[in-house]
N, C-alpha and C. Protein backbone atom coordinates (compact mmCIF):
# COMPACT_ATOMS: atom_id res chain seq x y z
N MET A 1 28.08 -30.86 -8.49
CA MET A 1 28.26 -29.95 -7.39
C MET A 1 28.08 -30.74 -6.09
N PRO A 2 29.07 -30.72 -5.20
CA PRO A 2 28.95 -31.45 -3.95
C PRO A 2 28.00 -30.73 -2.98
N VAL A 3 27.20 -31.53 -2.29
CA VAL A 3 26.26 -30.98 -1.32
C VAL A 3 26.97 -30.87 0.02
N ASP A 4 26.85 -29.69 0.66
CA ASP A 4 27.43 -29.48 1.98
C ASP A 4 26.49 -30.09 3.01
N VAL A 5 26.80 -31.30 3.45
CA VAL A 5 25.93 -32.04 4.35
C VAL A 5 25.76 -31.31 5.68
N ASP A 6 26.82 -30.69 6.16
CA ASP A 6 26.72 -29.96 7.43
C ASP A 6 25.76 -28.78 7.33
N GLN A 7 25.82 -28.06 6.22
CA GLN A 7 24.93 -26.91 6.03
C GLN A 7 23.48 -27.39 5.91
N LEU A 8 23.26 -28.46 5.18
CA LEU A 8 21.92 -29.01 5.02
C LEU A 8 21.39 -29.54 6.35
N SER A 9 22.24 -30.18 7.12
CA SER A 9 21.86 -30.68 8.44
C SER A 9 21.49 -29.53 9.38
N ALA A 10 22.25 -28.45 9.30
CA ALA A 10 21.96 -27.28 10.13
C ALA A 10 20.61 -26.68 9.75
N MET A 11 20.31 -26.64 8.45
CA MET A 11 19.03 -26.10 8.01
C MET A 11 17.88 -26.96 8.52
N ILE A 12 18.05 -28.25 8.50
CA ILE A 12 16.99 -29.14 9.00
C ILE A 12 16.74 -28.87 10.48
N SER A 13 17.78 -28.72 11.25
CA SER A 13 17.58 -28.45 12.68
C SER A 13 17.03 -27.04 12.91
N HIS A 14 17.36 -26.11 12.04
CA HIS A 14 16.85 -24.74 12.18
C HIS A 14 15.40 -24.61 11.69
N ALA A 15 14.90 -25.60 10.99
CA ALA A 15 13.54 -25.54 10.45
C ALA A 15 12.47 -25.88 11.48
N VAL A 16 12.88 -26.38 12.64
CA VAL A 16 11.90 -26.83 13.63
C VAL A 16 11.02 -25.67 14.12
N ALA A 17 11.62 -24.57 14.51
CA ALA A 17 10.84 -23.43 15.03
C ALA A 17 9.90 -22.86 13.97
N PRO A 18 10.35 -22.63 12.73
CA PRO A 18 9.41 -22.13 11.72
C PRO A 18 8.26 -23.10 11.45
N VAL A 19 8.52 -24.39 11.50
CA VAL A 19 7.45 -25.36 11.25
C VAL A 19 6.41 -25.29 12.37
N PHE A 20 6.86 -25.18 13.62
CA PHE A 20 5.91 -25.03 14.73
C PHE A 20 5.12 -23.73 14.59
N LEU A 21 5.79 -22.66 14.19
CA LEU A 21 5.09 -21.38 13.99
C LEU A 21 4.07 -21.51 12.87
N LEU A 22 4.41 -22.21 11.81
CA LEU A 22 3.48 -22.42 10.70
C LEU A 22 2.25 -23.18 11.17
N ALA A 23 2.43 -24.19 12.00
CA ALA A 23 1.30 -24.95 12.54
C ALA A 23 0.44 -24.07 13.44
N ALA A 24 1.06 -23.23 14.24
CA ALA A 24 0.31 -22.33 15.11
C ALA A 24 -0.49 -21.31 14.29
N ILE A 25 0.11 -20.80 13.25
CA ILE A 25 -0.59 -19.85 12.38
C ILE A 25 -1.78 -20.53 11.71
N ALA A 26 -1.62 -21.78 11.30
CA ALA A 26 -2.73 -22.51 10.68
C ALA A 26 -3.90 -22.64 11.67
N ALA A 27 -3.60 -22.93 12.92
CA ALA A 27 -4.65 -23.02 13.94
C ALA A 27 -5.31 -21.66 14.17
N LEU A 28 -4.51 -20.62 14.19
CA LEU A 28 -5.04 -19.26 14.37
C LEU A 28 -5.93 -18.87 13.20
N VAL A 29 -5.53 -19.20 11.99
CA VAL A 29 -6.34 -18.92 10.80
C VAL A 29 -7.70 -19.60 10.92
N SER A 30 -7.71 -20.82 11.39
CA SER A 30 -8.98 -21.54 11.58
C SER A 30 -9.88 -20.81 12.57
N ILE A 31 -9.31 -20.35 13.67
CA ILE A 31 -10.08 -19.61 14.67
C ILE A 31 -10.63 -18.32 14.07
N LEU A 32 -9.79 -17.60 13.34
CA LEU A 32 -10.22 -16.33 12.74
C LEU A 32 -11.35 -16.55 11.73
N ILE A 33 -11.24 -17.59 10.93
CA ILE A 33 -12.28 -17.88 9.95
C ILE A 33 -13.60 -18.22 10.65
N ASN A 34 -13.54 -19.01 11.72
CA ASN A 34 -14.75 -19.35 12.46
C ASN A 34 -15.40 -18.11 13.07
N ARG A 35 -14.59 -17.22 13.63
CA ARG A 35 -15.14 -15.99 14.21
C ARG A 35 -15.75 -15.11 13.12
N MET A 36 -15.04 -15.00 11.99
CA MET A 36 -15.55 -14.17 10.91
C MET A 36 -16.86 -14.73 10.37
N THR A 37 -16.96 -16.03 10.27
CA THR A 37 -18.20 -16.66 9.81
C THR A 37 -19.34 -16.34 10.76
N GLY A 38 -19.07 -16.42 12.06
CA GLY A 38 -20.10 -16.09 13.04
C GLY A 38 -20.56 -14.65 12.94
N VAL A 39 -19.62 -13.74 12.77
CA VAL A 39 -19.98 -12.32 12.65
C VAL A 39 -20.79 -12.08 11.38
N THR A 40 -20.35 -12.68 10.27
CA THR A 40 -21.06 -12.51 9.01
C THR A 40 -22.48 -13.07 9.10
N ASP A 41 -22.63 -14.24 9.71
CA ASP A 41 -23.96 -14.82 9.89
C ASP A 41 -24.86 -13.93 10.73
N ARG A 42 -24.27 -13.34 11.78
CA ARG A 42 -25.06 -12.44 12.65
C ARG A 42 -25.51 -11.21 11.86
N ILE A 43 -24.64 -10.66 11.05
CA ILE A 43 -25.03 -9.50 10.23
C ILE A 43 -26.18 -9.89 9.30
N ARG A 44 -26.08 -11.04 8.67
CA ARG A 44 -27.15 -11.50 7.77
C ARG A 44 -28.47 -11.66 8.53
N ASN A 45 -28.40 -12.24 9.72
CA ASN A 45 -29.61 -12.42 10.53
C ASN A 45 -30.23 -11.08 10.92
N LEU A 46 -29.40 -10.13 11.30
CA LEU A 46 -29.92 -8.82 11.68
C LEU A 46 -30.50 -8.09 10.48
N ASN A 47 -29.91 -8.28 9.31
CA ASN A 47 -30.44 -7.63 8.11
C ASN A 47 -31.79 -8.20 7.70
N GLN A 48 -32.11 -9.39 8.17
CA GLN A 48 -33.39 -10.00 7.84
C GLN A 48 -34.54 -9.51 8.73
N ILE A 49 -34.22 -8.76 9.77
CA ILE A 49 -35.26 -8.22 10.63
C ILE A 49 -36.02 -7.15 9.84
N ALA A 50 -37.31 -7.31 9.80
CA ALA A 50 -38.15 -6.36 9.05
C ALA A 50 -38.16 -5.00 9.73
N ASP A 51 -38.28 -3.96 8.92
CA ASP A 51 -38.30 -2.61 9.48
C ASP A 51 -39.54 -2.36 10.33
N ASP A 52 -40.60 -3.11 10.10
CA ASP A 52 -41.81 -2.91 10.90
C ASP A 52 -41.85 -3.80 12.15
N ASP A 53 -40.79 -4.56 12.40
CA ASP A 53 -40.69 -5.39 13.60
C ASP A 53 -40.12 -4.53 14.73
N THR A 54 -41.01 -3.83 15.41
CA THR A 54 -40.57 -2.87 16.43
C THR A 54 -39.94 -3.54 17.65
N SER A 55 -40.27 -4.79 17.91
CA SER A 55 -39.72 -5.45 19.08
C SER A 55 -38.25 -5.84 18.90
N ARG A 56 -37.80 -5.99 17.65
CA ARG A 56 -36.41 -6.40 17.40
C ARG A 56 -35.63 -5.43 16.52
N LYS A 57 -36.27 -4.39 16.06
CA LYS A 57 -35.60 -3.45 15.15
C LYS A 57 -34.38 -2.80 15.80
N TRP A 58 -34.41 -2.61 17.11
CA TRP A 58 -33.28 -1.97 17.81
C TRP A 58 -31.99 -2.79 17.68
N LEU A 59 -32.12 -4.08 17.42
CA LEU A 59 -30.94 -4.93 17.28
C LEU A 59 -30.11 -4.56 16.05
N LYS A 60 -30.76 -3.95 15.05
CA LYS A 60 -30.04 -3.56 13.83
C LYS A 60 -28.96 -2.51 14.09
N ALA A 61 -29.07 -1.82 15.21
CA ALA A 61 -28.05 -0.81 15.54
C ALA A 61 -26.69 -1.46 15.76
N ASP A 62 -26.67 -2.76 15.99
CA ASP A 62 -25.42 -3.47 16.24
C ASP A 62 -24.65 -3.80 14.95
N ILE A 63 -25.26 -3.58 13.81
CA ILE A 63 -24.62 -3.95 12.54
C ILE A 63 -23.30 -3.20 12.33
N ALA A 64 -23.25 -1.93 12.71
CA ALA A 64 -22.00 -1.16 12.53
C ALA A 64 -20.86 -1.76 13.35
N ARG A 65 -21.14 -2.17 14.58
CA ARG A 65 -20.12 -2.78 15.42
C ARG A 65 -19.67 -4.11 14.81
N LEU A 66 -20.62 -4.87 14.32
CA LEU A 66 -20.30 -6.16 13.71
C LEU A 66 -19.47 -5.99 12.44
N LYS A 67 -19.78 -4.97 11.66
CA LYS A 67 -18.98 -4.71 10.45
C LYS A 67 -17.56 -4.31 10.82
N ARG A 68 -17.40 -3.56 11.90
CA ARG A 68 -16.05 -3.20 12.37
C ARG A 68 -15.28 -4.47 12.77
N ARG A 69 -15.96 -5.38 13.46
CA ARG A 69 -15.33 -6.65 13.82
C ARG A 69 -14.95 -7.44 12.59
N GLU A 70 -15.81 -7.42 11.59
CA GLU A 70 -15.53 -8.15 10.35
C GLU A 70 -14.27 -7.60 9.68
N VAL A 71 -14.11 -6.28 9.67
CA VAL A 71 -12.91 -5.65 9.10
C VAL A 71 -11.67 -6.06 9.88
N LEU A 72 -11.75 -6.00 11.21
CA LEU A 72 -10.61 -6.37 12.05
C LEU A 72 -10.22 -7.83 11.84
N LEU A 73 -11.21 -8.70 11.79
CA LEU A 73 -10.92 -10.13 11.58
C LEU A 73 -10.34 -10.38 10.19
N ASN A 74 -10.83 -9.67 9.20
CA ASN A 74 -10.29 -9.81 7.85
C ASN A 74 -8.83 -9.36 7.81
N GLN A 75 -8.54 -8.24 8.45
CA GLN A 75 -7.15 -7.77 8.49
C GLN A 75 -6.26 -8.76 9.23
N ALA A 76 -6.75 -9.29 10.35
CA ALA A 76 -5.98 -10.28 11.11
C ALA A 76 -5.72 -11.52 10.26
N LEU A 77 -6.74 -11.94 9.54
CA LEU A 77 -6.61 -13.12 8.68
C LEU A 77 -5.58 -12.88 7.58
N GLN A 78 -5.63 -11.72 6.96
CA GLN A 78 -4.66 -11.40 5.92
C GLN A 78 -3.23 -11.38 6.47
N LEU A 79 -3.05 -10.76 7.63
CA LEU A 79 -1.71 -10.71 8.22
C LEU A 79 -1.21 -12.12 8.57
N ALA A 80 -2.08 -12.96 9.09
CA ALA A 80 -1.69 -14.33 9.43
C ALA A 80 -1.30 -15.12 8.19
N VAL A 81 -2.07 -14.98 7.13
CA VAL A 81 -1.77 -15.72 5.90
C VAL A 81 -0.47 -15.22 5.27
N ILE A 82 -0.27 -13.92 5.25
CA ILE A 82 0.99 -13.38 4.72
C ILE A 82 2.17 -13.86 5.56
N GLY A 83 1.99 -13.88 6.88
CA GLY A 83 3.04 -14.41 7.77
C GLY A 83 3.33 -15.87 7.46
N ALA A 84 2.29 -16.65 7.23
CA ALA A 84 2.47 -18.07 6.90
C ALA A 84 3.20 -18.23 5.56
N ILE A 85 2.85 -17.39 4.61
CA ILE A 85 3.57 -17.42 3.32
C ILE A 85 5.04 -17.09 3.54
N GLY A 86 5.33 -16.13 4.41
CA GLY A 86 6.71 -15.79 4.72
C GLY A 86 7.46 -16.96 5.33
N ILE A 87 6.81 -17.70 6.22
CA ILE A 87 7.43 -18.88 6.82
C ILE A 87 7.68 -19.95 5.76
N ALA A 88 6.70 -20.15 4.88
CA ALA A 88 6.89 -21.15 3.81
C ALA A 88 8.03 -20.75 2.89
N ILE A 89 8.13 -19.48 2.56
CA ILE A 89 9.24 -19.00 1.73
C ILE A 89 10.56 -19.18 2.47
N LEU A 90 10.55 -18.88 3.77
CA LEU A 90 11.75 -19.07 4.59
C LEU A 90 12.24 -20.51 4.50
N LEU A 91 11.33 -21.46 4.67
CA LEU A 91 11.71 -22.87 4.62
C LEU A 91 12.20 -23.26 3.22
N LEU A 92 11.48 -22.83 2.22
CA LEU A 92 11.85 -23.18 0.85
C LEU A 92 13.21 -22.61 0.47
N VAL A 93 13.37 -21.32 0.65
CA VAL A 93 14.63 -20.67 0.29
C VAL A 93 15.76 -21.18 1.17
N GLY A 94 15.47 -21.37 2.44
CA GLY A 94 16.50 -21.88 3.36
C GLY A 94 17.06 -23.21 2.92
N PHE A 95 16.17 -24.12 2.53
CA PHE A 95 16.65 -25.44 2.08
C PHE A 95 17.38 -25.35 0.75
N VAL A 96 16.90 -24.53 -0.16
CA VAL A 96 17.58 -24.40 -1.46
C VAL A 96 18.97 -23.82 -1.26
N VAL A 97 19.06 -22.76 -0.45
CA VAL A 97 20.36 -22.12 -0.21
C VAL A 97 21.31 -23.09 0.51
N ALA A 98 20.77 -23.82 1.50
CA ALA A 98 21.61 -24.78 2.22
C ALA A 98 22.04 -25.91 1.30
N PHE A 99 21.16 -26.34 0.42
CA PHE A 99 21.49 -27.40 -0.54
C PHE A 99 22.62 -26.95 -1.46
N LEU A 100 22.62 -25.67 -1.81
CA LEU A 100 23.67 -25.14 -2.67
C LEU A 100 24.96 -24.88 -1.91
N GLY A 101 24.91 -25.04 -0.58
CA GLY A 101 26.12 -24.91 0.23
C GLY A 101 26.38 -23.52 0.78
N TYR A 102 25.42 -22.63 0.65
CA TYR A 102 25.60 -21.28 1.17
C TYR A 102 25.00 -21.17 2.57
N ARG A 103 25.36 -20.11 3.25
CA ARG A 103 24.81 -19.87 4.58
C ARG A 103 23.37 -19.39 4.45
N HIS A 104 22.49 -20.01 5.18
CA HIS A 104 21.07 -19.68 5.12
C HIS A 104 20.63 -18.81 6.29
N GLU A 105 21.45 -18.72 7.34
CA GLU A 105 21.03 -18.08 8.58
C GLU A 105 20.63 -16.61 8.44
N PRO A 106 21.40 -15.77 7.74
CA PRO A 106 21.01 -14.34 7.68
C PRO A 106 19.64 -14.12 7.03
N GLY A 107 19.43 -14.75 5.89
CA GLY A 107 18.15 -14.59 5.21
C GLY A 107 17.01 -15.23 5.97
N ALA A 108 17.27 -16.42 6.53
CA ALA A 108 16.24 -17.11 7.31
C ALA A 108 15.86 -16.29 8.53
N GLY A 109 16.85 -15.72 9.18
CA GLY A 109 16.57 -14.89 10.35
C GLY A 109 15.72 -13.68 10.00
N ALA A 110 16.04 -13.04 8.90
CA ALA A 110 15.27 -11.86 8.48
C ALA A 110 13.83 -12.24 8.13
N LEU A 111 13.64 -13.32 7.39
CA LEU A 111 12.28 -13.75 7.05
C LEU A 111 11.49 -14.17 8.29
N PHE A 112 12.17 -14.79 9.25
CA PHE A 112 11.51 -15.20 10.49
C PHE A 112 11.04 -13.98 11.27
N VAL A 113 11.89 -12.96 11.36
CA VAL A 113 11.52 -11.73 12.08
C VAL A 113 10.35 -11.04 11.38
N ILE A 114 10.37 -10.98 10.07
CA ILE A 114 9.27 -10.37 9.32
C ILE A 114 7.97 -11.13 9.58
N SER A 115 8.03 -12.45 9.54
CA SER A 115 6.83 -13.26 9.78
C SER A 115 6.32 -13.08 11.20
N LEU A 116 7.23 -12.97 12.16
CA LEU A 116 6.80 -12.73 13.54
C LEU A 116 6.14 -11.36 13.69
N CYS A 117 6.66 -10.37 12.99
CA CYS A 117 6.04 -9.03 13.02
C CYS A 117 4.63 -9.09 12.44
N LEU A 118 4.44 -9.83 11.36
CA LEU A 118 3.12 -9.99 10.78
C LEU A 118 2.19 -10.72 11.75
N LEU A 119 2.72 -11.71 12.46
CA LEU A 119 1.92 -12.42 13.46
C LEU A 119 1.52 -11.49 14.60
N VAL A 120 2.42 -10.63 15.02
CA VAL A 120 2.09 -9.64 16.06
C VAL A 120 0.96 -8.73 15.58
N GLY A 121 1.05 -8.26 14.34
CA GLY A 121 -0.02 -7.44 13.78
C GLY A 121 -1.34 -8.18 13.76
N CYS A 122 -1.30 -9.44 13.39
CA CYS A 122 -2.51 -10.28 13.39
C CYS A 122 -3.10 -10.36 14.79
N LEU A 123 -2.25 -10.61 15.77
CA LEU A 123 -2.73 -10.75 17.14
C LEU A 123 -3.27 -9.44 17.70
N VAL A 124 -2.70 -8.32 17.30
CA VAL A 124 -3.22 -7.01 17.72
C VAL A 124 -4.63 -6.82 17.16
N ARG A 125 -4.82 -7.13 15.88
CA ARG A 125 -6.17 -7.01 15.28
C ARG A 125 -7.15 -7.97 15.95
N PHE A 126 -6.68 -9.17 16.25
CA PHE A 126 -7.52 -10.16 16.92
C PHE A 126 -7.91 -9.66 18.31
N LEU A 127 -6.97 -9.07 19.03
CA LEU A 127 -7.26 -8.50 20.35
C LEU A 127 -8.29 -7.38 20.23
N GLN A 128 -8.18 -6.55 19.21
CA GLN A 128 -9.16 -5.48 19.02
C GLN A 128 -10.54 -6.07 18.79
N ASP A 129 -10.63 -7.15 18.03
CA ASP A 129 -11.92 -7.80 17.82
C ASP A 129 -12.45 -8.35 19.13
N VAL A 130 -11.60 -9.00 19.91
CA VAL A 130 -12.03 -9.59 21.18
C VAL A 130 -12.55 -8.51 22.11
N ARG A 131 -11.91 -7.36 22.13
CA ARG A 131 -12.31 -6.27 23.03
C ARG A 131 -13.69 -5.71 22.69
N ILE A 132 -14.05 -5.73 21.41
CA ILE A 132 -15.37 -5.17 21.06
C ILE A 132 -16.40 -6.27 20.78
N SER A 133 -16.03 -7.53 21.03
CA SER A 133 -16.90 -8.63 20.61
C SER A 133 -18.17 -8.76 21.44
N LEU A 134 -18.15 -8.37 22.69
CA LEU A 134 -19.36 -8.51 23.51
C LEU A 134 -20.01 -7.17 23.77
N SER A 135 -21.31 -7.15 23.63
CA SER A 135 -22.10 -5.98 23.98
C SER A 135 -23.46 -6.47 24.44
N GLU A 136 -24.29 -5.56 24.85
CA GLU A 136 -25.62 -5.99 25.31
C GLU A 136 -26.42 -6.62 24.18
N HIS A 137 -26.12 -6.32 22.93
CA HIS A 137 -26.83 -6.90 21.80
C HIS A 137 -26.61 -8.40 21.70
N ASP A 138 -25.45 -8.85 22.14
CA ASP A 138 -25.14 -10.27 22.03
C ASP A 138 -25.92 -11.14 23.01
N HIS A 139 -26.57 -10.55 23.97
CA HIS A 139 -27.24 -11.32 25.02
C HIS A 139 -28.75 -11.37 24.85
N HIS A 140 -29.28 -10.84 23.77
CA HIS A 140 -30.74 -10.73 23.64
C HIS A 140 -31.37 -11.61 22.58
N LEU A 141 -30.67 -12.10 21.62
CA LEU A 141 -31.34 -12.87 20.56
C LEU A 141 -31.57 -14.28 20.86
């Protein structure tokens, strides 16, 4: 089977944007994991406050807010990873289809749009976390 060099060349040039998006998602995943780790550690620290420690017991009221942040960050992380999987599938399928000599643009475009929508969802969840991330509890420990 002859390889359509022009189609394969076009796929290589079209892969630049998805690869940059994949790198950006990887960086975002790292940020989300670091934030989630910080929130989880704070919850653990607050849970270690003894019930008879009256000077710091009021800090435990912040656990509900922190758990909400943990949920938002988890959802953002899931959306980012699913988006990254979509980009990886886009690249894989795009190259296979181009190698076989078929047009890759319609499917690649659809997968790219889906991945961008997932990234938007991730960023919305991340924004929600950022909006509730600071409170008076964060300034006292």
